[in-house]
N, C-alpha and C. Protein backbone atom coordinates (compact mmCIF):
# COMPACT_ATOMS: atom_id res chain seq x y z
N SER A 1 5.19 3.00 -12.76
CA SER A 1 4.46 1.93 -12.13
C SER A 1 3.18 1.64 -12.89
N ILE A 2 2.84 0.37 -12.94
CA ILE A 2 1.63 -0.04 -13.63
C ILE A 2 0.74 -0.76 -12.64
N TYR A 3 -0.53 -0.45 -12.64
CA TYR A 3 -1.49 -1.16 -11.81
C TYR A 3 -2.68 -1.46 -12.68
N LEU A 4 -2.84 -2.73 -13.01
CA LEU A 4 -3.92 -3.11 -13.90
C LEU A 4 -5.06 -3.74 -13.12
N ASN A 5 -6.23 -3.25 -13.33
CA ASN A 5 -7.43 -3.83 -12.73
C ASN A 5 -8.23 -4.50 -13.83
N ARG A 6 -9.12 -5.39 -13.44
CA ARG A 6 -9.99 -6.01 -14.41
C ARG A 6 -11.10 -5.05 -14.81
N ARG A 7 -11.26 -3.97 -14.07
CA ARG A 7 -12.27 -2.98 -14.38
C ARG A 7 -11.81 -1.62 -13.80
N LYS A 8 -12.31 -0.58 -14.36
CA LYS A 8 -12.06 0.76 -13.81
C LYS A 8 -13.26 1.12 -12.98
N LYS A 9 -13.08 1.27 -11.69
CA LYS A 9 -14.20 1.56 -10.80
C LYS A 9 -14.11 3.00 -10.33
N VAL A 10 -15.16 3.72 -10.52
CA VAL A 10 -15.24 5.09 -10.02
C VAL A 10 -15.79 5.01 -8.60
N PRO A 11 -15.09 5.60 -7.61
CA PRO A 11 -15.60 5.53 -6.24
C PRO A 11 -16.96 6.20 -6.09
N THR A 12 -17.80 5.60 -5.28
CA THR A 12 -19.11 6.17 -4.98
C THR A 12 -19.08 6.71 -3.56
N GLU A 13 -20.17 7.34 -3.14
CA GLU A 13 -20.25 7.87 -1.78
C GLU A 13 -20.06 6.75 -0.75
N ASP A 14 -20.48 5.55 -1.08
CA ASP A 14 -20.34 4.42 -0.16
C ASP A 14 -18.89 4.01 0.03
N ASP A 15 -18.03 4.31 -0.96
CA ASP A 15 -16.61 3.95 -0.90
C ASP A 15 -15.77 4.97 -0.15
N ILE A 16 -16.26 6.20 -0.02
CA ILE A 16 -15.46 7.29 0.51
C ILE A 16 -15.90 7.64 1.93
N PHE A 17 -14.97 7.61 2.83
CA PHE A 17 -15.22 7.98 4.21
C PHE A 17 -14.55 9.33 4.45
N VAL A 18 -15.31 10.30 4.91
CA VAL A 18 -14.76 11.63 5.15
C VAL A 18 -14.38 11.73 6.62
N CYS A 19 -13.13 12.07 6.87
CA CYS A 19 -12.65 12.22 8.24
C CYS A 19 -13.03 13.59 8.79
N ASP A 20 -12.77 13.79 10.07
CA ASP A 20 -13.05 15.08 10.69
C ASP A 20 -11.75 15.77 11.13
N CYS A 21 -10.69 15.50 10.39
CA CYS A 21 -9.39 16.11 10.71
C CYS A 21 -9.41 17.61 10.40
N ILE A 22 -8.45 18.31 10.99
CA ILE A 22 -8.37 19.75 10.83
C ILE A 22 -7.05 20.11 10.14
N PRO A 23 -7.09 20.91 9.09
CA PRO A 23 -5.85 21.34 8.46
C PRO A 23 -5.05 22.24 9.41
N SER A 24 -3.76 22.05 9.47
CA SER A 24 -2.93 22.83 10.39
C SER A 24 -3.05 24.33 10.10
N SER A 25 -3.29 24.68 8.86
CA SER A 25 -3.41 26.10 8.50
C SER A 25 -4.64 26.76 9.12
N ARG A 26 -5.64 25.97 9.53
CA ARG A 26 -6.85 26.54 10.13
C ARG A 26 -7.04 26.14 11.60
N ALA A 27 -6.09 25.41 12.16
CA ALA A 27 -6.24 24.94 13.53
C ALA A 27 -5.93 26.04 14.54
N THR A 28 -6.68 26.04 15.62
CA THR A 28 -6.42 26.99 16.71
C THR A 28 -5.26 26.44 17.55
N LYS A 29 -4.71 27.28 18.40
CA LYS A 29 -3.63 26.85 19.29
C LYS A 29 -4.10 25.70 20.18
N GLU A 30 -5.32 25.78 20.67
CA GLU A 30 -5.87 24.73 21.53
C GLU A 30 -5.99 23.41 20.77
N GLN A 31 -6.45 23.46 19.51
CA GLN A 31 -6.57 22.24 18.71
C GLN A 31 -5.20 21.63 18.43
N LEU A 32 -4.22 22.48 18.15
CA LEU A 32 -2.87 21.98 17.89
C LEU A 32 -2.27 21.28 19.11
N GLU A 33 -2.66 21.73 20.29
CA GLU A 33 -2.12 21.15 21.53
C GLU A 33 -2.94 19.98 22.06
N ASP A 34 -4.13 19.79 21.54
CA ASP A 34 -5.01 18.71 22.01
C ASP A 34 -4.58 17.37 21.40
N PRO A 35 -4.17 16.39 22.22
CA PRO A 35 -3.71 15.10 21.69
C PRO A 35 -4.81 14.27 21.04
N ASP A 36 -6.07 14.62 21.25
CA ASP A 36 -7.18 13.87 20.67
C ASP A 36 -7.66 14.42 19.33
N VAL A 37 -7.10 15.55 18.92
CA VAL A 37 -7.50 16.17 17.66
C VAL A 37 -6.52 15.73 16.57
N SER A 38 -7.06 15.32 15.44
CA SER A 38 -6.22 14.92 14.31
C SER A 38 -5.96 16.13 13.42
N ILE A 39 -4.69 16.43 13.27
CA ILE A 39 -4.25 17.55 12.43
C ILE A 39 -3.63 16.98 11.15
N ASP A 40 -4.02 17.50 10.00
CA ASP A 40 -3.48 17.10 8.70
C ASP A 40 -3.53 15.60 8.46
N CYS A 41 -4.57 14.94 8.98
CA CYS A 41 -4.76 13.49 8.80
C CYS A 41 -3.53 12.70 9.27
N GLY A 42 -3.09 13.06 10.48
CA GLY A 42 -1.98 12.36 11.10
C GLY A 42 -2.43 11.04 11.73
N PRO A 43 -1.72 10.58 12.75
CA PRO A 43 -2.00 9.26 13.35
C PRO A 43 -3.41 9.09 13.91
N LYS A 44 -4.10 10.16 14.27
CA LYS A 44 -5.44 10.06 14.85
C LYS A 44 -6.57 10.11 13.81
N CYS A 45 -6.24 10.22 12.55
CA CYS A 45 -7.25 10.28 11.49
C CYS A 45 -8.07 8.99 11.50
N ILE A 46 -9.38 9.11 11.54
CA ILE A 46 -10.25 7.93 11.58
C ILE A 46 -10.06 7.06 10.35
N ASN A 47 -9.82 7.67 9.19
CA ASN A 47 -9.58 6.88 7.98
C ASN A 47 -8.30 6.06 8.11
N LYS A 48 -7.25 6.67 8.63
CA LYS A 48 -5.99 5.96 8.80
C LYS A 48 -6.16 4.80 9.77
N LEU A 49 -6.95 5.00 10.81
CA LEU A 49 -7.18 3.95 11.80
C LEU A 49 -7.94 2.76 11.24
N ILE A 50 -8.73 2.96 10.18
CA ILE A 50 -9.46 1.85 9.56
C ILE A 50 -8.85 1.47 8.20
N SER A 51 -7.60 1.83 7.99
CA SER A 51 -6.85 1.47 6.76
C SER A 51 -7.58 1.91 5.49
N THR A 52 -8.03 3.16 5.49
CA THR A 52 -8.69 3.75 4.34
C THR A 52 -8.00 5.07 4.02
N GLU A 53 -7.59 5.22 2.78
CA GLU A 53 -6.98 6.49 2.40
C GLU A 53 -8.05 7.56 2.21
N CYS A 54 -7.66 8.79 2.53
CA CYS A 54 -8.56 9.92 2.30
C CYS A 54 -8.66 10.20 0.80
N ASP A 55 -9.65 10.95 0.43
CA ASP A 55 -9.88 11.34 -0.95
C ASP A 55 -9.60 12.84 -1.05
N ILE A 56 -8.78 13.24 -1.98
CA ILE A 56 -8.38 14.65 -2.12
C ILE A 56 -9.59 15.57 -2.28
N TRP A 57 -10.68 15.07 -2.89
CA TRP A 57 -11.84 15.92 -3.16
C TRP A 57 -12.75 16.08 -1.96
N THR A 58 -12.68 15.17 -0.98
CA THR A 58 -13.58 15.25 0.17
C THR A 58 -12.86 15.47 1.49
N CYS A 59 -11.58 15.26 1.54
CA CYS A 59 -10.84 15.40 2.80
C CYS A 59 -10.78 16.88 3.21
N PRO A 60 -11.11 17.17 4.46
CA PRO A 60 -11.06 18.57 4.90
C PRO A 60 -9.65 19.15 4.90
N CYS A 61 -8.63 18.28 4.91
CA CYS A 61 -7.24 18.77 4.93
C CYS A 61 -6.67 18.95 3.52
N ALA A 62 -7.36 18.44 2.51
CA ALA A 62 -6.98 18.58 1.10
C ALA A 62 -5.49 18.31 0.88
N THR A 63 -4.74 19.30 0.42
CA THR A 63 -3.34 19.08 0.07
C THR A 63 -2.42 18.88 1.27
N SER A 64 -2.87 19.19 2.48
CA SER A 64 -2.03 18.95 3.66
C SER A 64 -2.28 17.57 4.27
N CYS A 65 -3.17 16.79 3.65
CA CYS A 65 -3.50 15.45 4.14
C CYS A 65 -2.27 14.54 4.08
N GLN A 66 -2.00 13.84 5.17
CA GLN A 66 -0.88 12.90 5.25
C GLN A 66 -1.35 11.46 5.07
N ASN A 67 -2.57 11.26 4.60
CA ASN A 67 -3.12 9.92 4.47
C ASN A 67 -3.51 9.61 3.02
N MET A 68 -2.58 9.86 2.10
CA MET A 68 -2.78 9.53 0.70
C MET A 68 -1.49 8.96 0.11
N ARG A 69 -0.84 8.09 0.86
CA ARG A 69 0.46 7.57 0.44
C ARG A 69 0.40 6.69 -0.80
N PHE A 70 -0.64 5.89 -0.94
CA PHE A 70 -0.77 5.05 -2.14
C PHE A 70 -1.01 5.94 -3.36
N GLN A 71 -1.97 6.87 -3.24
CA GLN A 71 -2.36 7.71 -4.37
C GLN A 71 -1.25 8.65 -4.83
N THR A 72 -0.47 9.15 -3.89
CA THR A 72 0.58 10.12 -4.23
C THR A 72 1.95 9.46 -4.41
N HIS A 73 1.98 8.14 -4.35
CA HIS A 73 3.22 7.37 -4.55
C HIS A 73 4.33 7.85 -3.62
N CYS A 74 4.00 7.95 -2.33
CA CYS A 74 4.99 8.36 -1.33
C CYS A 74 5.87 7.17 -0.94
N ASP A 75 6.52 6.58 -1.93
CA ASP A 75 7.35 5.41 -1.71
C ASP A 75 8.64 5.78 -1.00
N SER A 76 9.13 4.85 -0.21
CA SER A 76 10.46 5.00 0.38
C SER A 76 11.49 4.67 -0.70
N CYS A 77 12.71 5.09 -0.49
CA CYS A 77 13.79 4.81 -1.44
C CYS A 77 14.25 3.36 -1.24
N VAL A 78 13.88 2.49 -2.16
CA VAL A 78 14.32 1.09 -2.14
C VAL A 78 14.81 0.72 -3.53
N TYR A 79 15.70 -0.26 -3.59
CA TYR A 79 16.23 -0.70 -4.88
C TYR A 79 16.55 -2.19 -4.82
N PRO A 80 16.48 -2.88 -5.98
CA PRO A 80 16.76 -4.31 -5.99
C PRO A 80 18.25 -4.61 -5.89
N ILE A 81 18.57 -5.69 -5.18
CA ILE A 81 19.96 -6.14 -5.06
C ILE A 81 19.99 -7.67 -5.17
N PRO A 82 21.10 -8.22 -5.70
CA PRO A 82 21.24 -9.68 -5.70
C PRO A 82 21.47 -10.15 -4.25
N THR A 83 20.87 -11.27 -3.88
CA THR A 83 20.97 -11.73 -2.49
C THR A 83 21.76 -13.02 -2.35
N GLY A 84 22.59 -13.35 -3.30
CA GLY A 84 23.48 -14.49 -3.19
C GLY A 84 22.78 -15.83 -3.01
N GLY A 85 22.44 -16.48 -4.09
CA GLY A 85 21.81 -17.79 -4.02
C GLY A 85 20.31 -17.76 -3.78
N LYS A 86 19.76 -16.61 -3.48
CA LYS A 86 18.32 -16.51 -3.22
C LYS A 86 17.66 -15.54 -4.19
N GLY A 87 18.28 -15.33 -5.32
CA GLY A 87 17.71 -14.41 -6.30
C GLY A 87 17.95 -12.96 -5.92
N TRP A 88 16.90 -12.18 -6.02
CA TRP A 88 16.98 -10.76 -5.76
C TRP A 88 16.23 -10.41 -4.49
N GLY A 89 16.56 -9.27 -3.92
CA GLY A 89 15.86 -8.74 -2.76
C GLY A 89 15.76 -7.23 -2.89
N LEU A 90 15.16 -6.60 -1.90
CA LEU A 90 15.07 -5.14 -1.88
C LEU A 90 15.93 -4.61 -0.75
N ALA A 91 16.62 -3.53 -1.01
CA ALA A 91 17.42 -2.86 0.01
C ALA A 91 16.91 -1.43 0.17
N ALA A 92 17.03 -0.92 1.38
CA ALA A 92 16.62 0.46 1.66
C ALA A 92 17.76 1.40 1.31
N GLY A 93 17.42 2.45 0.59
CA GLY A 93 18.40 3.47 0.23
C GLY A 93 18.37 4.65 1.18
N GLU A 94 17.57 4.52 2.25
CA GLU A 94 17.45 5.57 3.27
C GLU A 94 16.95 4.91 4.54
N ASP A 95 17.07 5.59 5.66
CA ASP A 95 16.48 5.10 6.90
C ASP A 95 14.96 5.17 6.75
N ILE A 96 14.29 4.09 7.15
CA ILE A 96 12.83 4.03 7.05
C ILE A 96 12.28 3.82 8.46
N PRO A 97 11.59 4.81 9.02
CA PRO A 97 11.04 4.68 10.38
C PRO A 97 9.92 3.64 10.46
N ARG A 98 9.76 3.08 11.62
CA ARG A 98 8.71 2.11 11.92
C ARG A 98 7.35 2.66 11.47
N ASP A 99 6.50 1.81 10.96
CA ASP A 99 5.14 2.11 10.49
C ASP A 99 5.08 2.92 9.20
N SER A 100 6.23 3.21 8.60
CA SER A 100 6.24 3.99 7.36
C SER A 100 5.78 3.15 6.18
N PHE A 101 5.11 3.80 5.24
CA PHE A 101 4.75 3.18 3.96
C PHE A 101 6.03 3.03 3.16
N ILE A 102 6.27 1.84 2.63
CA ILE A 102 7.48 1.62 1.84
C ILE A 102 7.15 1.67 0.35
N ILE A 103 6.22 0.81 -0.08
CA ILE A 103 5.87 0.76 -1.50
C ILE A 103 4.58 -0.03 -1.68
N ARG A 104 3.87 0.26 -2.73
CA ARG A 104 2.65 -0.48 -3.06
C ARG A 104 3.04 -1.71 -3.87
N TYR A 105 2.41 -2.84 -3.57
CA TYR A 105 2.63 -4.07 -4.32
C TYR A 105 1.64 -4.06 -5.48
N ILE A 106 2.14 -3.91 -6.70
CA ILE A 106 1.26 -3.75 -7.85
C ILE A 106 1.58 -4.78 -8.92
N GLY A 107 0.61 -5.01 -9.77
CA GLY A 107 0.77 -5.93 -10.88
C GLY A 107 -0.56 -6.25 -11.51
N GLU A 108 -0.56 -7.29 -12.33
CA GLU A 108 -1.79 -7.76 -12.96
C GLU A 108 -2.65 -8.43 -11.89
N VAL A 109 -3.91 -8.07 -11.83
CA VAL A 109 -4.84 -8.68 -10.88
C VAL A 109 -5.72 -9.65 -11.65
N PHE A 110 -5.76 -10.91 -11.18
CA PHE A 110 -6.62 -11.87 -11.85
C PHE A 110 -7.36 -12.73 -10.84
N SER A 111 -8.49 -13.23 -11.28
CA SER A 111 -9.32 -14.12 -10.45
C SER A 111 -8.71 -15.51 -10.47
N VAL A 112 -8.60 -16.13 -9.30
CA VAL A 112 -8.05 -17.48 -9.22
C VAL A 112 -9.04 -18.49 -9.78
N HIS A 113 -10.29 -18.10 -9.98
CA HIS A 113 -11.31 -19.00 -10.49
C HIS A 113 -11.53 -18.87 -11.99
N SER A 114 -10.88 -17.91 -12.64
CA SER A 114 -11.04 -17.74 -14.08
C SER A 114 -10.15 -18.74 -14.81
N GLU A 115 -10.41 -18.91 -16.10
CA GLU A 115 -9.58 -19.80 -16.92
C GLU A 115 -8.13 -19.30 -16.92
N HIS A 116 -7.98 -18.00 -17.11
CA HIS A 116 -6.64 -17.38 -17.10
C HIS A 116 -5.97 -17.61 -15.74
N GLY A 117 -6.72 -17.41 -14.66
CA GLY A 117 -6.17 -17.58 -13.32
C GLY A 117 -5.74 -19.00 -13.03
N ARG A 118 -6.57 -19.97 -13.40
CA ARG A 118 -6.22 -21.38 -13.19
C ARG A 118 -4.96 -21.74 -13.98
N ALA A 119 -4.84 -21.24 -15.22
CA ALA A 119 -3.66 -21.51 -16.04
C ALA A 119 -2.41 -20.90 -15.39
N LYS A 120 -2.52 -19.67 -14.91
CA LYS A 120 -1.39 -19.01 -14.26
C LYS A 120 -0.97 -19.77 -13.00
N LEU A 121 -1.93 -20.17 -12.18
CA LEU A 121 -1.61 -20.89 -10.94
C LEU A 121 -0.95 -22.23 -11.24
N ALA A 122 -1.41 -22.92 -12.29
CA ALA A 122 -0.79 -24.19 -12.68
C ALA A 122 0.65 -23.95 -13.15
N GLU A 123 0.86 -22.89 -13.93
CA GLU A 123 2.19 -22.53 -14.42
C GLU A 123 3.13 -22.21 -13.25
N TYR A 124 2.65 -21.39 -12.30
CA TYR A 124 3.49 -21.00 -11.18
C TYR A 124 3.67 -22.13 -10.17
N GLY A 125 2.76 -23.11 -10.18
CA GLY A 125 2.89 -24.25 -9.28
C GLY A 125 4.14 -25.07 -9.58
N LYS A 126 4.66 -24.98 -10.80
CA LYS A 126 5.86 -25.70 -11.21
C LYS A 126 7.13 -24.89 -10.98
N SER A 127 6.99 -23.65 -10.59
CA SER A 127 8.13 -22.74 -10.44
C SER A 127 8.61 -22.68 -8.99
N THR A 128 9.90 -22.42 -8.84
CA THR A 128 10.45 -22.24 -7.49
C THR A 128 10.40 -20.79 -7.06
N CYS A 129 10.06 -19.90 -7.99
CA CYS A 129 10.05 -18.47 -7.67
C CYS A 129 8.81 -17.82 -8.27
N THR A 130 7.92 -17.35 -7.42
CA THR A 130 6.75 -16.61 -7.90
C THR A 130 6.61 -15.34 -7.08
N TYR A 131 5.86 -14.42 -7.62
CA TYR A 131 5.66 -13.13 -6.97
C TYR A 131 4.21 -12.92 -6.58
N LEU A 132 3.40 -13.97 -6.65
CA LEU A 132 1.97 -13.82 -6.41
C LEU A 132 1.69 -13.38 -4.98
N MET A 133 0.75 -12.45 -4.87
CA MET A 133 0.30 -11.96 -3.56
C MET A 133 -1.22 -12.00 -3.57
N ARG A 134 -1.78 -12.68 -2.60
CA ARG A 134 -3.24 -12.78 -2.52
C ARG A 134 -3.80 -11.42 -2.11
N GLN A 135 -4.74 -10.94 -2.90
CA GLN A 135 -5.40 -9.66 -2.60
C GLN A 135 -6.64 -9.90 -1.74
N ASN A 136 -7.35 -10.98 -2.04
CA ASN A 136 -8.50 -11.41 -1.26
C ASN A 136 -8.72 -12.88 -1.57
N SER A 137 -9.83 -13.46 -1.17
CA SER A 137 -10.03 -14.90 -1.36
C SER A 137 -10.21 -15.29 -2.83
N LYS A 138 -10.48 -14.32 -3.69
CA LYS A 138 -10.74 -14.64 -5.10
C LYS A 138 -9.72 -14.06 -6.07
N GLU A 139 -8.90 -13.12 -5.63
CA GLU A 139 -7.99 -12.44 -6.55
C GLU A 139 -6.55 -12.48 -6.08
N VAL A 140 -5.65 -12.47 -7.07
CA VAL A 140 -4.22 -12.52 -6.82
C VAL A 140 -3.56 -11.39 -7.60
N ILE A 141 -2.53 -10.80 -7.03
CA ILE A 141 -1.72 -9.80 -7.73
C ILE A 141 -0.48 -10.51 -8.26
N ASP A 142 -0.24 -10.36 -9.55
CA ASP A 142 0.92 -10.98 -10.19
C ASP A 142 1.77 -9.91 -10.87
N PRO A 143 2.89 -9.50 -10.26
CA PRO A 143 3.73 -8.47 -10.85
C PRO A 143 4.84 -9.01 -11.75
N THR A 144 4.75 -10.28 -12.14
CA THR A 144 5.82 -10.90 -12.93
C THR A 144 6.16 -10.10 -14.17
N TYR A 145 5.16 -9.72 -14.94
CA TYR A 145 5.41 -9.00 -16.20
C TYR A 145 4.96 -7.55 -16.16
N LYS A 146 4.00 -7.25 -15.29
CA LYS A 146 3.46 -5.90 -15.19
C LYS A 146 3.44 -5.52 -13.72
N GLY A 147 4.49 -4.93 -13.24
CA GLY A 147 4.56 -4.60 -11.82
C GLY A 147 5.66 -3.60 -11.55
N ASN A 148 6.09 -3.57 -10.31
CA ASN A 148 7.16 -2.66 -9.92
C ASN A 148 8.21 -3.43 -9.12
N ILE A 149 9.15 -2.73 -8.53
CA ILE A 149 10.24 -3.41 -7.82
C ILE A 149 9.80 -4.04 -6.51
N ALA A 150 8.59 -3.81 -6.07
CA ALA A 150 8.10 -4.46 -4.85
C ALA A 150 8.15 -5.98 -5.00
N ARG A 151 8.11 -6.48 -6.22
CA ARG A 151 8.12 -7.93 -6.43
C ARG A 151 9.43 -8.57 -5.98
N PHE A 152 10.47 -7.79 -5.75
CA PHE A 152 11.76 -8.34 -5.34
C PHE A 152 11.87 -8.53 -3.82
N ILE A 153 10.85 -8.13 -3.09
CA ILE A 153 10.89 -8.28 -1.64
C ILE A 153 10.97 -9.76 -1.29
N ASN A 154 11.76 -10.11 -0.28
CA ASN A 154 11.98 -11.50 0.10
C ASN A 154 11.32 -11.87 1.41
N HIS A 155 11.12 -13.16 1.58
CA HIS A 155 10.64 -13.73 2.85
C HIS A 155 11.76 -13.63 3.88
N SER A 156 11.39 -13.51 5.15
CA SER A 156 12.35 -13.52 6.24
C SER A 156 11.71 -14.14 7.48
N CYS A 157 12.50 -14.90 8.22
CA CYS A 157 12.02 -15.44 9.50
C CYS A 157 12.04 -14.35 10.57
N GLU A 158 12.75 -13.26 10.30
CA GLU A 158 12.79 -12.09 11.19
C GLU A 158 12.45 -10.85 10.36
N PRO A 159 11.20 -10.72 9.96
CA PRO A 159 10.83 -9.65 9.02
C PRO A 159 10.97 -8.25 9.61
N ASN A 160 11.29 -7.30 8.72
CA ASN A 160 11.32 -5.90 9.13
C ASN A 160 10.20 -5.10 8.47
N CYS A 161 9.36 -5.80 7.70
CA CYS A 161 8.21 -5.13 7.11
C CYS A 161 7.05 -6.12 7.00
N VAL A 162 5.87 -5.57 6.69
CA VAL A 162 4.64 -6.34 6.68
C VAL A 162 3.75 -5.81 5.57
N THR A 163 2.88 -6.68 5.03
CA THR A 163 1.90 -6.21 4.05
C THR A 163 0.63 -5.78 4.78
N GLN A 164 -0.01 -4.76 4.24
CA GLN A 164 -1.29 -4.30 4.77
C GLN A 164 -2.22 -4.03 3.60
N LYS A 165 -3.48 -4.39 3.77
CA LYS A 165 -4.49 -4.10 2.76
C LYS A 165 -5.21 -2.81 3.15
N TRP A 166 -5.31 -1.90 2.19
CA TRP A 166 -5.95 -0.61 2.40
C TRP A 166 -7.05 -0.39 1.38
N ASN A 167 -8.06 0.36 1.78
CA ASN A 167 -9.10 0.82 0.88
C ASN A 167 -8.57 2.11 0.25
N VAL A 168 -8.35 2.08 -1.06
CA VAL A 168 -7.84 3.25 -1.78
C VAL A 168 -8.88 3.62 -2.84
N LEU A 169 -9.69 4.61 -2.53
CA LEU A 169 -10.74 5.07 -3.44
C LEU A 169 -11.65 3.94 -3.87
N GLY A 170 -12.01 3.07 -2.94
CA GLY A 170 -12.95 2.00 -3.21
C GLY A 170 -12.32 0.71 -3.72
N GLU A 171 -11.05 0.69 -3.96
CA GLU A 171 -10.32 -0.51 -4.42
C GLU A 171 -9.40 -0.97 -3.30
N ILE A 172 -9.07 -2.26 -3.29
CA ILE A 172 -8.11 -2.78 -2.32
C ILE A 172 -6.70 -2.55 -2.85
N GLY A 173 -5.85 -1.96 -2.03
CA GLY A 173 -4.45 -1.78 -2.35
C GLY A 173 -3.61 -2.51 -1.32
N VAL A 174 -2.57 -3.20 -1.77
CA VAL A 174 -1.67 -3.90 -0.86
C VAL A 174 -0.39 -3.08 -0.78
N GLY A 175 -0.03 -2.71 0.43
CA GLY A 175 1.18 -1.92 0.65
C GLY A 175 2.15 -2.65 1.56
N ILE A 176 3.41 -2.30 1.42
CA ILE A 176 4.46 -2.82 2.29
C ILE A 176 4.78 -1.71 3.28
N PHE A 177 4.74 -2.03 4.59
CA PHE A 177 4.96 -1.06 5.65
C PHE A 177 6.08 -1.56 6.57
N ALA A 178 6.86 -0.63 7.12
CA ALA A 178 7.96 -0.99 8.03
C ALA A 178 7.41 -1.47 9.36
N LEU A 179 7.84 -2.65 9.77
CA LEU A 179 7.43 -3.25 11.03
C LEU A 179 8.26 -2.68 12.19
N ARG A 180 9.46 -2.28 11.85
CA ARG A 180 10.37 -1.65 12.82
C ARG A 180 11.26 -0.68 12.04
N ASP A 181 12.08 0.10 12.75
CA ASP A 181 13.00 1.01 12.08
C ASP A 181 13.93 0.20 11.19
N ILE A 182 14.08 0.63 9.95
CA ILE A 182 15.01 -0.01 9.01
C ILE A 182 16.13 0.97 8.79
N ILE A 183 17.30 0.66 9.33
CA ILE A 183 18.44 1.59 9.21
C ILE A 183 19.65 0.90 8.62
């Protein structure tokens, strides 16, 4: 996988939020049974609730952290397939439970206001098939030449997945997540 940024940004203290989760290896029986305590950065992790991945160097759960799916490439098994008259699509090679991370949408990131960006948008404006994904109001992800198989994902009037923007070590990451069980 390739992920190209216009700059290499080193996260600062302002970019990193440290959760108060407890590693299962150090949790007491009472903590393990308490539904309000987050163990191993599970569903109750404050970072997960605000769409921010934990940082391996600051997370109290370290290697048992379950909130580093973008960084550790915890992709679901998906593969491209021809979709008959609609180009290519992605198929699941395994059952994917609801809310699961499927894959990161990666590619060349460019500013829509730059000379390069305006040229790309004009070029793609003439095409019937583009892979552009808006990252924010000023930047677009283009996996056409530098990306991964996430670019083969198709539109659906009855979608089974959704894009989510996450803070990953101070950068915005766009991920595809299961909206419902995919079986």
